[in-house]
PDB file of N, CA and C in Angstrom:
ATOM      1  N   MET A   1      30.685  13.769   1.919  1.00  0.00           N
ATOM      2  CA  MET A   1      29.479  13.864   2.708  1.00  0.00           C
ATOM      3  C   MET A   1      28.300  14.343   1.851  1.00  0.00           C
ATOM      4  N   LEU A   2      28.584  15.301   0.971  1.00  0.00           N
ATOM      5  CA  LEU A   2      27.536  15.807   0.090  1.00  0.00           C
ATOM      6  C   LEU A   2      27.032  14.714  -0.845  1.00  0.00           C
ATOM      7  N   ILE A   3      27.939  13.889  -1.324  1.00  0.00           N
ATOM      8  CA  ILE A   3      27.554  12.812  -2.237  1.00  0.00           C
ATOM      9  C   ILE A   3      26.661  11.801  -1.528  1.00  0.00           C
ATOM     10  N   VAL A   4      26.987  11.473  -0.293  1.00  0.00           N
ATOM     11  CA  VAL A   4      26.175  10.532   0.482  1.00  0.00           C
ATOM     12  C   VAL A   4      24.787  11.121   0.728  1.00  0.00           C
ATOM     13  N   ALA A   5      24.732  12.399   1.076  1.00  0.00           N
ATOM     14  CA  ALA A   5      23.443  13.048   1.315  1.00  0.00           C
ATOM     15  C   ALA A   5      22.609  13.105   0.038  1.00  0.00           C
ATOM     16  N   LEU A   6      23.237  13.409  -1.081  1.00  0.00           N
ATOM     17  CA  LEU A   6      22.515  13.448  -2.355  1.00  0.00           C
ATOM     18  C   LEU A   6      22.018  12.062  -2.748  1.00  0.00           C
ATOM     19  N   ALA A   7      22.842  11.057  -2.533  1.00  0.00           N
ATOM     20  CA  ALA A   7      22.424   9.690  -2.848  1.00  0.00           C
ATOM     21  C   ALA A   7      21.254   9.264  -1.965  1.00  0.00           C
ATOM     22  N   ALA A   8      21.332   9.577  -0.688  1.00  0.00           N
ATOM     23  CA  ALA A   8      20.247   9.218   0.228  1.00  0.00           C
ATOM     24  C   ALA A   8      18.955   9.934  -0.143  1.00  0.00           C
ATOM     25  N   SER A   9      19.043  11.212  -0.463  1.00  0.00           N
ATOM     26  CA  SER A   9      17.835  11.940  -0.849  1.00  0.00           C
ATOM     27  C   SER A   9      17.291  11.429  -2.179  1.00  0.00           C
ATOM     28  N   GLY A  10      18.179  11.044  -3.075  1.00  0.00           N
ATOM     29  CA  GLY A  10      17.732  10.477  -4.342  1.00  0.00           C
ATOM     30  C   GLY A  10      16.983   9.171  -4.159  1.00  0.00           C
ATOM     31  N   VAL A  11      17.473   8.322  -3.269  1.00  0.00           N
ATOM     32  CA  VAL A  11      16.806   7.041  -3.002  1.00  0.00           C
ATOM     33  C   VAL A  11      15.445   7.271  -2.351  1.00  0.00           C
ATOM     34  N   VAL A  12      15.385   8.180  -1.390  1.00  0.00           N
ATOM     35  CA  VAL A  12      14.113   8.477  -0.727  1.00  0.00           C
ATOM     36  C   VAL A  12      13.107   9.032  -1.728  1.00  0.00           C
ATOM     37  N   LEU A  13      13.538   9.947  -2.559  1.00  0.00           N
ATOM     38  CA  LEU A  13      12.644  10.532  -3.546  1.00  0.00           C
ATOM     39  C   LEU A  13      12.229   9.503  -4.597  1.00  0.00           C
ATOM     40  N   PHE A  14      13.156   8.664  -5.009  1.00  0.00           N
ATOM     41  CA  PHE A  14      12.847   7.596  -5.960  1.00  0.00           C
ATOM     42  C   PHE A  14      11.731   6.715  -5.408  1.00  0.00           C
ATOM     43  N   ASN A  15      11.854   6.318  -4.147  1.00  0.00           N
ATOM     44  CA  ASN A  15      10.835   5.458  -3.543  1.00  0.00           C
ATOM     45  C   ASN A  15       9.510   6.187  -3.368  1.00  0.00           C
ATOM     46  N   THR A  16       9.547   7.469  -3.050  1.00  0.00           N
ATOM     47  CA  THR A  16       8.316   8.247  -2.907  1.00  0.00           C
ATOM     48  C   THR A  16       7.568   8.328  -4.233  1.00  0.00           C
ATOM     49  N   ILE A  17       8.271   8.623  -5.289  1.00  0.00           N
ATOM     50  CA  ILE A  17       7.632   8.713  -6.607  1.00  0.00           C
ATOM     51  C   ILE A  17       7.166   7.338  -7.064  1.00  0.00           C
ATOM     52  N   ARG A  18       7.964   6.323  -6.780  1.00  0.00           N
ATOM     53  CA  ARG A  18       7.569   4.968  -7.169  1.00  0.00           C
ATOM     54  C   ARG A  18       6.275   4.557  -6.475  1.00  0.00           C
ATOM     55  N   ILE A  19       6.130   4.898  -5.201  1.00  0.00           N
ATOM     56  CA  ILE A  19       4.895   4.593  -4.477  1.00  0.00           C
ATOM     57  C   ILE A  19       3.724   5.358  -5.086  1.00  0.00           C
ATOM     58  N   ALA A  20       3.949   6.618  -5.446  1.00  0.00           N
ATOM     59  CA  ALA A  20       2.887   7.412  -6.078  1.00  0.00           C
ATOM     60  C   ALA A  20       2.481   6.802  -7.417  1.00  0.00           C
ATOM     61  N   VAL A  21       3.449   6.331  -8.169  1.00  0.00           N
ATOM     62  CA  VAL A  21       3.155   5.715  -9.468  1.00  0.00           C
ATOM     63  C   VAL A  21       2.387   4.413  -9.269  1.00  0.00           C
ATOM     64  N   TYR A  22       2.822   3.577  -8.338  1.00  0.00           N
ATOM     65  CA  TYR A  22       2.137   2.308  -8.109  1.00  0.00           C
ATOM     66  C   TYR A  22       0.733   2.511  -7.555  1.00  0.00           C
ATOM     67  N   SER A  23       0.515   3.578  -6.791  1.00  0.00           N
ATOM     68  CA  SER A  23      -0.828   3.816  -6.268  1.00  0.00           C
ATOM     69  C   SER A  23      -1.791   4.231  -7.380  1.00  0.00           C
ATOM     70  N   ARG A  24      -1.261   4.742  -8.463  1.00  0.00           N
ATOM     71  CA  ARG A  24      -2.096   5.133  -9.601  1.00  0.00           C
ATOM     72  C   ARG A  24      -1.877   4.209 -10.796  1.00  0.00           C
ATOM     73  N   ALA A  25      -1.489   2.981 -10.530  1.00  0.00           N
ATOM     74  CA  ALA A  25      -1.156   2.033 -11.595  1.00  0.00           C
ATOM     75  C   ALA A  25      -2.346   1.745 -12.505  1.00  0.00           C
ATOM     76  N   GLU A  26      -3.514   1.622 -11.922  1.00  0.00           N
ATOM     77  CA  GLU A  26      -4.688   1.314 -12.731  1.00  0.00           C
ATOM     78  C   GLU A  26      -5.004   2.470 -13.685  1.00  0.00           C
ATOM     79  N   GLU A  27      -4.920   3.690 -13.183  1.00  0.00           N
ATOM     80  CA  GLU A  27      -5.130   4.868 -14.030  1.00  0.00           C
ATOM     81  C   GLU A  27      -4.122   4.913 -15.169  1.00  0.00           C
ATOM     82  N   ILE A  28      -2.878   4.666 -14.837  1.00  0.00           N
ATOM     83  CA  ILE A  28      -1.813   4.708 -15.841  1.00  0.00           C
ATOM     84  C   ILE A  28      -2.038   3.632 -16.890  1.00  0.00           C
ATOM     85  N   ASP A  29      -2.452   2.459 -16.451  1.00  0.00           N
ATOM     86  CA  ASP A  29      -2.708   1.359 -17.379  1.00  0.00           C
ATOM     87  C   ASP A  29      -3.826   1.727 -18.351  1.00  0.00           C
ATOM     88  N   VAL A  30      -4.900   2.312 -17.841  1.00  0.00           N
ATOM     89  CA  VAL A  30      -6.012   2.718 -18.704  1.00  0.00           C
ATOM     90  C   VAL A  30      -5.550   3.797 -19.680  1.00  0.00           C
ATOM     91  N   MET A  31      -4.784   4.757 -19.183  1.00  0.00           N
ATOM     92  CA  MET A  31      -4.293   5.826 -20.055  1.00  0.00           C
ATOM     93  C   MET A  31      -3.416   5.267 -21.168  1.00  0.00           C
ATOM     94  N   MET A  32      -2.554   4.322 -20.834  1.00  0.00           N
ATOM     95  CA  MET A  32      -1.679   3.730 -21.848  1.00  0.00           C
ATOM     96  C   MET A  32      -2.496   2.945 -22.877  1.00  0.00           C
ATOM     97  N   LYS A  33      -3.558   2.277 -22.420  1.00  0.00           N
ATOM     98  CA  LYS A  33      -4.372   1.481 -23.336  1.00  0.00           C
ATOM     99  C   LYS A  33      -5.192   2.335 -24.295  1.00  0.00           C
ATOM    100  N   VAL A  34      -5.561   3.540 -23.870  1.00  0.00           N
ATOM    101  CA  VAL A  34      -6.337   4.398 -24.767  1.00  0.00           C
ATOM    102  C   VAL A  34      -5.449   5.293 -25.617  1.00  0.00           C
ATOM    103  N   GLY A  35      -4.140   5.142 -25.498  1.00  0.00           N
ATOM    104  CA  GLY A  35      -3.234   5.810 -26.415  1.00  0.00           C
ATOM    105  C   GLY A  35      -2.438   6.980 -25.871  1.00  0.00           C
ATOM    106  N   ALA A  36      -2.397   7.146 -24.561  1.00  0.00           N
ATOM    107  CA  ALA A  36      -1.592   8.238 -24.006  1.00  0.00           C
ATOM    108  C   ALA A  36      -0.112   7.935 -24.217  1.00  0.00           C
ATOM    109  N   THR A  37       0.639   8.965 -24.509  1.00  0.00           N
ATOM    110  CA  THR A  37       2.079   8.772 -24.691  1.00  0.00           C
ATOM    111  C   THR A  37       2.751   8.632 -23.329  1.00  0.00           C
ATOM    112  N   ALA A  38       3.932   8.063 -23.353  1.00  0.00           N
ATOM    113  CA  ALA A  38       4.680   7.884 -22.110  1.00  0.00           C
ATOM    114  C   ALA A  38       5.012   9.230 -21.474  1.00  0.00           C
ATOM    115  N   THR A  39       5.286  10.221 -22.290  1.00  0.00           N
ATOM    116  CA  THR A  39       5.596  11.557 -21.769  1.00  0.00           C
ATOM    117  C   THR A  39       4.389  12.163 -21.064  1.00  0.00           C
ATOM    118  N   TYR A  40       3.216  11.996 -21.643  1.00  0.00           N
ATOM    119  CA  TYR A  40       1.991  12.526 -21.047  1.00  0.00           C
ATOM    120  C   TYR A  40       1.716  11.875 -19.696  1.00  0.00           C
ATOM    121  N   VAL A  41       1.975  10.596 -19.587  1.00  0.00           N
ATOM    122  CA  VAL A  41       1.748   9.878 -18.337  1.00  0.00           C
ATOM    123  C   VAL A  41       2.806  10.250 -17.301  1.00  0.00           C
ATOM    124  N   ALA A  42       4.040  10.395 -17.732  1.00  0.00           N
ATOM    125  CA  ALA A  42       5.145  10.620 -16.796  1.00  0.00           C
ATOM    126  C   ALA A  42       5.235  12.053 -16.296  1.00  0.00           C
ATOM    127  N   PHE A  43       4.765  13.012 -17.071  1.00  0.00           N
ATOM    128  CA  PHE A  43       4.970  14.426 -16.743  1.00  0.00           C
ATOM    129  C   PHE A  43       4.488  14.826 -15.345  1.00  0.00           C
ATOM    130  N   PRO A  44       3.280  14.444 -14.914  1.00  0.00           N
ATOM    131  CA  PRO A  44       2.846  14.847 -13.564  1.00  0.00           C
ATOM    132  C   PRO A  44       3.744  14.297 -12.456  1.00  0.00           C
ATOM    133  N   PHE A  45       4.260  13.099 -12.640  1.00  0.00           N
ATOM    134  CA  PHE A  45       5.126  12.510 -11.621  1.00  0.00           C
ATOM    135  C   PHE A  45       6.494  13.188 -11.592  1.00  0.00           C
ATOM    136  N   VAL A  46       6.980  13.564 -12.743  1.00  0.00           N
ATOM    137  CA  VAL A  46       8.259  14.281 -12.805  1.00  0.00           C
ATOM    138  C   VAL A  46       8.116  15.655 -12.154  1.00  0.00           C
ATOM    139  N   ILE A  47       7.007  16.325 -12.418  1.00  0.00           N
ATOM    140  CA  ILE A  47       6.757  17.625 -11.779  1.00  0.00           C
ATOM    141  C   ILE A  47       6.628  17.455 -10.268  1.00  0.00           C
ATOM    142  N   GLN A  48       5.949  16.401  -9.833  1.00  0.00           N
ATOM    143  CA  GLN A  48       5.823  16.146  -8.398  1.00  0.00           C
ATOM    144  C   GLN A  48       7.199  15.931  -7.775  1.00  0.00           C
ATOM    145  N   GLY A  49       8.036  15.157  -8.415  1.00  0.00           N
ATOM    146  CA  GLY A  49       9.389  14.936  -7.907  1.00  0.00           C
ATOM    147  C   GLY A  49      10.201  16.213  -7.870  1.00  0.00           C
ATOM    148  N   PHE A  50      10.070  17.029  -8.910  1.00  0.00           N
ATOM    149  CA  PHE A  50      10.775  18.313  -8.952  1.00  0.00           C
ATOM    150  C   PHE A  50      10.342  19.206  -7.797  1.00  0.00           C
ATOM    151  N   LEU A  51       9.033  19.294  -7.573  1.00  0.00           N
ATOM    152  CA  LEU A  51       8.532  20.152  -6.499  1.00  0.00           C
ATOM    153  C   LEU A  51       8.937  19.629  -5.122  1.00  0.00           C
ATOM    154  N   LEU A  52       8.940  18.320  -4.951  1.00  0.00           N
ATOM    155  CA  LEU A  52       9.403  17.757  -3.678  1.00  0.00           C
ATOM    156  C   LEU A  52      10.872  18.079  -3.442  1.00  0.00           C
ATOM    157  N   GLY A  53      11.678  17.923  -4.458  1.00  0.00           N
ATOM    158  CA  GLY A  53      13.101  18.234  -4.328  1.00  0.00           C
ATOM    159  C   GLY A  53      13.353  19.708  -4.083  1.00  0.00           C
ATOM    160  N   LEU A  54      12.632  20.564  -4.785  1.00  0.00           N
ATOM    161  CA  LEU A  54      12.790  22.008  -4.606  1.00  0.00           C
ATOM    162  C   LEU A  54      12.357  22.436  -3.207  1.00  0.00           C
ATOM    163  N   THR A  55      11.239  21.908  -2.738  1.00  0.00           N
ATOM    164  CA  THR A  55      10.765  22.244  -1.396  1.00  0.00           C
ATOM    165  C   THR A  55      11.756  21.790  -0.334  1.00  0.00           C
ATOM    166  N   GLY A  56      12.255  20.576  -0.483  1.00  0.00           N
ATOM    167  CA  GLY A  56      13.243  20.077   0.473  1.00  0.00           C
ATOM    168  C   GLY A  56      14.528  20.882   0.460  1.00  0.00           C
ATOM    169  N   ALA A  57      14.975  21.263  -0.721  1.00  0.00           N
ATOM    170  CA  ALA A  57      16.211  22.047  -0.826  1.00  0.00           C
ATOM    171  C   ALA A  57      16.030  23.446  -0.248  1.00  0.00           C
ATOM    172  N   LEU A  58      14.874  24.045  -0.472  1.00  0.00           N
ATOM    173  CA  LEU A  58      14.614  25.367   0.102  1.00  0.00           C
ATOM    174  C   LEU A  58      14.545  25.304   1.623  1.00  0.00           C
ATOM    175  N   ALA A  59      13.898  24.265   2.144  1.00  0.00           N
ATOM    176  CA  ALA A  59      13.835  24.104   3.601  1.00  0.00           C
ATOM    177  C   ALA A  59      15.227  23.868   4.183  1.00  0.00           C
ATOM    178  N   ALA A  60      16.025  23.058   3.501  1.00  0.00           N
ATOM    179  CA  ALA A  60      17.387  22.801   3.970  1.00  0.00           C
ATOM    180  C   ALA A  60      18.237  24.066   3.920  1.00  0.00           C
ATOM    181  N   SER A  61      18.070  24.868   2.892  1.00  0.00           N
ATOM    182  CA  SER A  61      18.821  26.126   2.790  1.00  0.00           C
ATOM    183  C   SER A  61      18.434  27.097   3.898  1.00  0.00           C
ATOM    184  N   ALA A  62      17.144  27.180   4.183  1.00  0.00           N
ATOM    185  CA  ALA A  62      16.690  28.063   5.259  1.00  0.00           C
ATOM    186  C   ALA A  62      17.228  27.592   6.608  1.00  0.00           C
ATOM    187  N   ALA A  63      17.181  26.284   6.841  1.00  0.00           N
ATOM    188  CA  ALA A  63      17.709  25.743   8.098  1.00  0.00           C
ATOM    189  C   ALA A  63      19.215  25.946   8.194  1.00  0.00           C
ATOM    190  N   LEU A  64      19.906  25.791   7.083  1.00  0.00           N
ATOM    191  CA  LEU A  64      21.353  26.005   7.064  1.00  0.00           C
ATOM    192  C   LEU A  64      21.699  27.450   7.403  1.00  0.00           C
ATOM    193  N   GLY A  65      21.017  28.388   6.786  1.00  0.00           N
ATOM    194  CA  GLY A  65      21.280  29.802   7.050  1.00  0.00           C
ATOM    195  C   GLY A  65      21.007  30.181   8.492  1.00  0.00           C
ATOM    196  N   TYR A  66      19.878  29.738   8.997  1.00  0.00           N
ATOM    197  CA  TYR A  66      19.521  30.053  10.380  1.00  0.00           C
ATOM    198  C   TYR A  66      20.521  29.450  11.359  1.00  0.00           C
ATOM    199  N   SER A  67      20.809  28.171  11.192  1.00  0.00           N
ATOM    200  CA  SER A  67      21.705  27.503  12.143  1.00  0.00           C
ATOM    201  C   SER A  67      23.140  28.011  12.027  1.00  0.00           C
ATOM    202  N   TYR A  68      23.566  28.374  10.841  1.00  0.00           N
ATOM    203  CA  TYR A  68      24.929  28.877  10.663  1.00  0.00           C
ATOM    204  C   TYR A  68      25.126  30.183  11.424  1.00  0.00           C
ATOM    205  N   PHE A  69      24.223  31.121  11.222  1.00  0.00           N
ATOM    206  CA  PHE A  69      24.383  32.414  11.889  1.00  0.00           C
ATOM    207  C   PHE A  69      24.179  32.308  13.397  1.00  0.00           C
ATOM    208  N   ARG A  70      23.299  31.423  13.834  1.00  0.00           N
ATOM    209  CA  ARG A  70      23.128  31.207  15.281  1.00  0.00           C
ATOM    210  C   ARG A  70      24.378  30.574  15.874  1.00  0.00           C
ATOM    211  N   ALA A  71      24.947  29.601  15.179  1.00  0.00           N
ATOM    212  CA  ALA A  71      26.148  28.928  15.683  1.00  0.00           C
ATOM    213  C   ALA A  71      27.335  29.884  15.728  1.00  0.00           C
ATOM    214  N   VAL A  72      27.496  30.706  14.708  1.00  0.00           N
ATOM    215  CA  VAL A  72      28.605  31.663  14.690  1.00  0.00           C
ATOM    216  C   VAL A  72      28.455  32.666  15.833  1.00  0.00           C
ATOM    217  N   ALA A  73      27.237  33.147  16.062  1.00  0.00           N
ATOM    218  CA  ALA A  73      27.016  34.100  17.154  1.00  0.00           C
ATOM    219  C   ALA A  73      27.326  33.464  18.507  1.00  0.00           C
ATOM    220  N   CYS A  74      26.910  32.234  18.680  1.00  0.00           N
ATOM    221  CA  CYS A  74      27.169  31.530  19.940  1.00  0.00           C
ATOM    222  C   CYS A  74      28.659  31.257  20.122  1.00  0.00           C
ATOM    223  N   LEU A  75      29.317  30.827  19.069  1.00  0.00           N
ATOM    224  CA  LEU A  75      30.747  30.524  19.159  1.00  0.00           C
ATOM    225  C   LEU A  75      31.588  31.780  19.358  1.00  0.00           C
ATOM    226  N   LYS A  76      31.143  32.898  18.826  1.00  0.00           N
ATOM    227  CA  LYS A  76      31.866  34.157  19.051  1.00  0.00           C
ATOM    228  C   LYS A  76      31.869  34.527  20.532  1.00  0.00           C
ATOM    229  N   ASP A  77      30.745  34.272  21.193  1.00  0.00           N
ATOM    230  CA  ASP A  77      30.671  34.560  22.626  1.00  0.00           C
ATOM    231  C   ASP A  77      31.533  33.599  23.431  1.00  0.00           C
ATOM    232  N   MET A  78      31.538  32.340  23.033  1.00  0.00           N
ATOM    233  CA  MET A  78      32.282  31.325  23.785  1.00  0.00           C
ATOM    234  C   MET A  78      33.773  31.364  23.490  1.00  0.00           C
ATOM    235  N   LEU A  79      34.143  31.667  22.262  1.00  0.00           N
ATOM    236  CA  LEU A  79      35.545  31.653  21.834  1.00  0.00           C
ATOM    237  C   LEU A  79      35.918  32.994  21.197  1.00  0.00           C
ATOM    238  N   PRO A  80      36.060  34.042  21.991  1.00  0.00           N
ATOM    239  CA  PRO A  80      36.307  35.366  21.411  1.00  0.00           C
ATOM    240  C   PRO A  80      37.683  35.516  20.767  1.00  0.00           C
ATOM    241  N   PHE A  81      38.583  34.613  21.039  1.00  0.00           N
ATOM    242  CA  PHE A  81      39.930  34.705  20.471  1.00  0.00           C
ATOM    243  C   PHE A  81      40.009  34.149  19.053  1.00  0.00           C
ATOM    244  N   LEU A  82      38.960  33.514  18.571  1.00  0.00           N
ATOM    245  CA  LEU A  82      38.924  32.991  17.204  1.00  0.00           C
ATOM    246  C   LEU A  82      38.124  33.929  16.306  1.00  0.00           C
ATOM    247  N   THR A  83      38.475  33.918  15.039  1.00  0.00           N
ATOM    248  CA  THR A  83      37.680  34.673  14.064  1.00  0.00           C
ATOM    249  C   THR A  83      36.882  33.689  13.212  1.00  0.00           C
ATOM    250  N   PHE A  84      35.669  34.059  12.931  1.00  0.00           N
ATOM    251  CA  PHE A  84      34.778  33.197  12.159  1.00  0.00           C
ATOM    252  C   PHE A  84      34.396  33.889  10.864  1.00  0.00           C
ATOM    253  N   ILE A  85      34.168  33.093   9.850  1.00  0.00           N
ATOM    254  CA  ILE A  85      33.760  33.630   8.550  1.00  0.00           C
ATOM    255  C   ILE A  85      32.257  33.878   8.600  1.00  0.00           C
ATOM    256  N   GLU A  86      31.883  35.129   8.456  1.00  0.00           N
ATOM    257  CA  GLU A  86      30.463  35.489   8.414  1.00  0.00           C
ATOM    258  C   GLU A  86      30.173  36.128   7.064  1.00  0.00           C
ATOM    259  N   SER A  87      30.126  35.325   6.067  1.00  0.00           N
ATOM    260  CA  SER A  87      29.924  35.842   4.720  1.00  0.00           C
ATOM    261  C   SER A  87      28.544  35.432   4.205  1.00  0.00           C
ATOM    262  N   PRO A  88      27.628  36.373   4.133  1.00  0.00           N
ATOM    263  CA  PRO A  88      26.323  36.046   3.553  1.00  0.00           C
ATOM    264  C   PRO A  88      26.440  35.600   2.096  1.00  0.00           C
ATOM    265  N   ARG A  89      27.446  36.114   1.408  1.00  0.00           N
ATOM    266  CA  ARG A  89      27.645  35.727   0.012  1.00  0.00           C
ATOM    267  C   ARG A  89      28.034  34.247  -0.094  1.00  0.00           C
ATOM    268  N   LEU A  90      28.912  33.795   0.799  1.00  0.00           N
ATOM    269  CA  LEU A  90      29.300  32.385   0.823  1.00  0.00           C
ATOM    270  C   LEU A  90      28.095  31.505   1.119  1.00  0.00           C
ATOM    271  N   LEU A  91      27.299  31.927   2.076  1.00  0.00           N
ATOM    272  CA  LEU A  91      26.108  31.168   2.428  1.00  0.00           C
ATOM    273  C   LEU A  91      25.098  31.161   1.279  1.00  0.00           C
ATOM    274  N   ALA A  92      24.974  32.268   0.576  1.00  0.00           N
ATOM    275  CA  ALA A  92      24.067  32.329  -0.575  1.00  0.00           C
ATOM    276  C   ALA A  92      24.536  31.391  -1.683  1.00  0.00           C
ATOM    277  N   ASN A  93      25.841  31.367  -1.934  1.00  0.00           N
ATOM    278  CA  ASN A  93      26.375  30.455  -2.952  1.00  0.00           C
ATOM    279  C   ASN A  93      26.164  29.001  -2.553  1.00  0.00           C
ATOM    280  N   LEU A  94      26.395  28.702  -1.284  1.00  0.00           N
ATOM    281  CA  LEU A  94      26.186  27.341  -0.798  1.00  0.00           C
ATOM    282  C   LEU A  94      24.717  26.944  -0.904  1.00  0.00           C
ATOM    283  N   SER A  95      23.834  27.863  -0.579  1.00  0.00           N
ATOM    284  CA  SER A  95      22.402  27.590  -0.694  1.00  0.00           C
ATOM    285  C   SER A  95      21.997  27.367  -2.146  1.00  0.00           C
ATOM    286  N   LEU A  96      22.567  28.141  -3.044  1.00  0.00           N
ATOM    287  CA  LEU A  96      22.271  27.974  -4.466  1.00  0.00           C
ATOM    288  C   LEU A  96      22.723  26.603  -4.965  1.00  0.00           C
ATOM    289  N   VAL A  97      23.905  26.185  -4.551  1.00  0.00           N
ATOM    290  CA  VAL A  97      24.401  24.854  -4.924  1.00  0.00           C
ATOM    291  C   VAL A  97      23.490  23.779  -4.349  1.00  0.00           C
ATOM    292  N   LEU A  98      23.068  23.949  -3.105  1.00  0.00           N
ATOM    293  CA  LEU A  98      22.182  22.986  -2.457  1.00  0.00           C
ATOM    294  C   LEU A  98      20.850  22.883  -3.190  1.00  0.00           C
ATOM    295  N   ILE A  99      20.291  24.009  -3.566  1.00  0.00           N
ATOM    296  CA  ILE A  99      19.012  24.012  -4.280  1.00  0.00           C
ATOM    297  C   ILE A  99      19.157  23.378  -5.664  1.00  0.00           C
ATOM    298  N   CYS A 100      20.212  23.721  -6.379  1.00  0.00           N
ATOM    299  CA  CYS A 100      20.432  23.140  -7.714  1.00  0.00           C
ATOM    300  C   CYS A 100      20.641  21.631  -7.638  1.00  0.00           C
ATOM    301  N   CYS A 101      21.484  21.195  -6.729  1.00  0.00           N
ATOM    302  CA  CYS A 101      21.740  19.754  -6.591  1.00  0.00           C
ATOM    303  C   CYS A 101      20.473  19.014  -6.177  1.00  0.00           C
ATOM    304  N   GLY A 102      19.713  19.588  -5.261  1.00  0.00           N
ATOM    305  CA  GLY A 102      18.475  18.948  -4.813  1.00  0.00           C
ATOM    306  C   GLY A 102      17.462  18.789  -5.920  1.00  0.00           C
ATOM    307  N   THR A 103      17.304  19.813  -6.739  1.00  0.00           N
ATOM    308  CA  THR A 103      16.327  19.714  -7.818  1.00  0.00           C
ATOM    309  C   THR A 103      16.796  18.778  -8.926  1.00  0.00           C
ATOM    310  N   VAL A 104      18.078  18.793  -9.230  1.00  0.00           N
ATOM    311  CA  VAL A 104      18.595  17.894 -10.276  1.00  0.00           C
ATOM    312  C   VAL A 104      18.472  16.438  -9.836  1.00  0.00           C
ATOM    313  N   VAL A 105      18.847  16.155  -8.594  1.00  0.00           N
ATOM    314  CA  VAL A 105      18.730  14.783  -8.085  1.00  0.00           C
ATOM    315  C   VAL A 105      17.266  14.354  -8.075  1.00  0.00           C
ATOM    316  N   SER A 106      16.369  15.243  -7.681  1.00  0.00           N
ATOM    317  CA  SER A 106      14.955  14.884  -7.642  1.00  0.00           C
ATOM    318  C   SER A 106      14.400  14.645  -9.042  1.00  0.00           C
ATOM    319  N   LEU A 107      14.822  15.430 -10.005  1.00  0.00           N
ATOM    320  CA  LEU A 107      14.376  15.204 -11.382  1.00  0.00           C
ATOM    321  C   LEU A 107      14.833  13.843 -11.899  1.00  0.00           C
ATOM    322  N   PHE A 108      16.104  13.528 -11.695  1.00  0.00           N
ATOM    323  CA  PHE A 108      16.609  12.241 -12.171  1.00  0.00           C
ATOM    324  C   PHE A 108      15.952  11.071 -11.446  1.00  0.00           C
ATOM    325  N   ALA A 109      15.759  11.192 -10.144  1.00  0.00           N
ATOM    326  CA  ALA A 109      15.123  10.108  -9.388  1.00  0.00           C
ATOM    327  C   ALA A 109      13.695   9.883  -9.854  1.00  0.00           C
ATOM    328  N   SER A 110      12.947  10.953 -10.072  1.00  0.00           N
ATOM    329  CA  SER A 110      11.570  10.781 -10.522  1.00  0.00           C
ATOM    330  C   SER A 110      11.508  10.274 -11.959  1.00  0.00           C
ATOM    331  N   LEU A 111      12.409  10.734 -12.811  1.00  0.00           N
ATOM    332  CA  LEU A 111      12.445  10.218 -14.184  1.00  0.00           C
ATOM    333  C   LEU A 111      12.729   8.723 -14.215  1.00  0.00           C
ATOM    334  N   ILE A 112      13.676   8.278 -13.414  1.00  0.00           N
ATOM    335  CA  ILE A 112      14.019   6.855 -13.380  1.00  0.00           C
ATOM    336  C   ILE A 112      12.857   6.034 -12.845  1.00  0.00           C
ATOM    337  N   ALA A 113      12.223   6.498 -11.765  1.00  0.00           N
ATOM    338  CA  ALA A 113      11.109   5.752 -11.172  1.00  0.00           C
ATOM    339  C   ALA A 113       9.944   5.627 -12.144  1.00  0.00           C
ATOM    340  N   VAL A 114       9.589   6.710 -12.790  1.00  0.00           N
ATOM    341  CA  VAL A 114       8.458   6.694 -13.715  1.00  0.00           C
ATOM    342  C   VAL A 114       8.795   5.892 -14.961  1.00  0.00           C
ATOM    343  N   GLU A 115       9.992   6.053 -15.466  1.00  0.00           N
ATOM    344  CA  GLU A 115      10.390   5.353 -16.690  1.00  0.00           C
ATOM    345  C   GLU A 115      10.374   3.843 -16.492  1.00  0.00           C
ATOM    346  N   LYS A 116      10.824   3.375 -15.340  1.00  0.00           N
ATOM    347  CA  LYS A 116      10.805   1.934 -15.074  1.00  0.00           C
ATOM    348  C   LYS A 116       9.381   1.397 -15.080  1.00  0.00           C
ATOM    349  N   PHE A 117       8.466   2.126 -14.438  1.00  0.00           N
ATOM    350  CA  PHE A 117       7.088   1.659 -14.383  1.00  0.00           C
ATOM    351  C   PHE A 117       6.440   1.697 -15.755  1.00  0.00           C
ATOM    352  N   ILE A 118       6.649   2.756 -16.503  1.00  0.00           N
ATOM    353  CA  ILE A 118       6.019   2.883 -17.822  1.00  0.00           C
ATOM    354  C   ILE A 118       6.556   1.828 -18.777  1.00  0.00           C
ATOM    355  N   ARG A 119       7.828   1.508 -18.652  1.00  0.00           N
ATOM    356  CA  ARG A 119       8.397   0.453 -19.499  1.00  0.00           C
ATOM    357  C   ARG A 119       7.702  -0.875 -19.217  1.00  0.00           C
ATOM    358  N   LYS A 120       7.421  -1.158 -17.935  1.00  0.00           N
ATOM    359  CA  LYS A 120       6.700  -2.387 -17.585  1.00  0.00           C
ATOM    360  C   LYS A 120       5.263  -2.335 -18.089  1.00  0.00           C
ATOM    361  N   ALA A 121       4.612  -1.181 -17.926  1.00  0.00           N
ATOM    362  CA  ALA A 121       3.205  -1.047 -18.310  1.00  0.00           C
ATOM    363  C   ALA A 121       3.018  -1.088 -19.818  1.00  0.00           C
ATOM    364  N   ALA A 122       4.007  -0.682 -20.574  1.00  0.00           N
ATOM    365  CA  ALA A 122       3.883  -0.622 -22.029  1.00  0.00           C
ATOM    366  C   ALA A 122       4.115  -1.968 -22.705  1.00  0.00           C
ATOM    367  N   LYS A 123       4.566  -2.962 -21.952  1.00  0.00           N
ATOM    368  CA  LYS A 123       4.807  -4.275 -22.562  1.00  0.00           C
ATOM    369  C   LYS A 123       3.482  -4.908 -22.973  1.00  0.00           C
ATOM    370  N   PRO A 124       3.420  -5.442 -24.174  1.00  0.00           N
ATOM    371  CA  PRO A 124       2.184  -6.112 -24.599  1.00  0.00           C
ATOM    372  C   PRO A 124       2.019  -7.444 -23.874  1.00  0.00           C
ATOM    373  N   LEU A 125       0.769  -7.866 -23.775  1.00  0.00           N
ATOM    374  CA  LEU A 125       0.479  -9.138 -23.090  1.00  0.00           C
ATOM    375  C   LEU A 125       0.896 -10.330 -23.888  1.00  0.00           C
TER     376      LEU A 125
END
């Protein structure tokens, strides 16, 4: 399930960065023609992808923490004969994994999207 979610978020982020790159295609073309390096052109888009991934992962971690503790409290009232794991440490570790995976996937997705466009833009006529 985690792999499917990571793949889906990677595709969404890839398309978001690709749209941002295509919307600034003319700027990028001019920059490449006056001698900007591919790294200089790609860096803002990679940072944008990183920040989008980090923001999404932080929001998901906050929602996970809130919903987990609310669900456990509700289930304790409904099912008092069961014991539930209420470990803030487990939740913190899970949130850390979620944040790391989200940022890594976002970095790779933005790098791939920008690299594909720059490779096309750098081709001579």
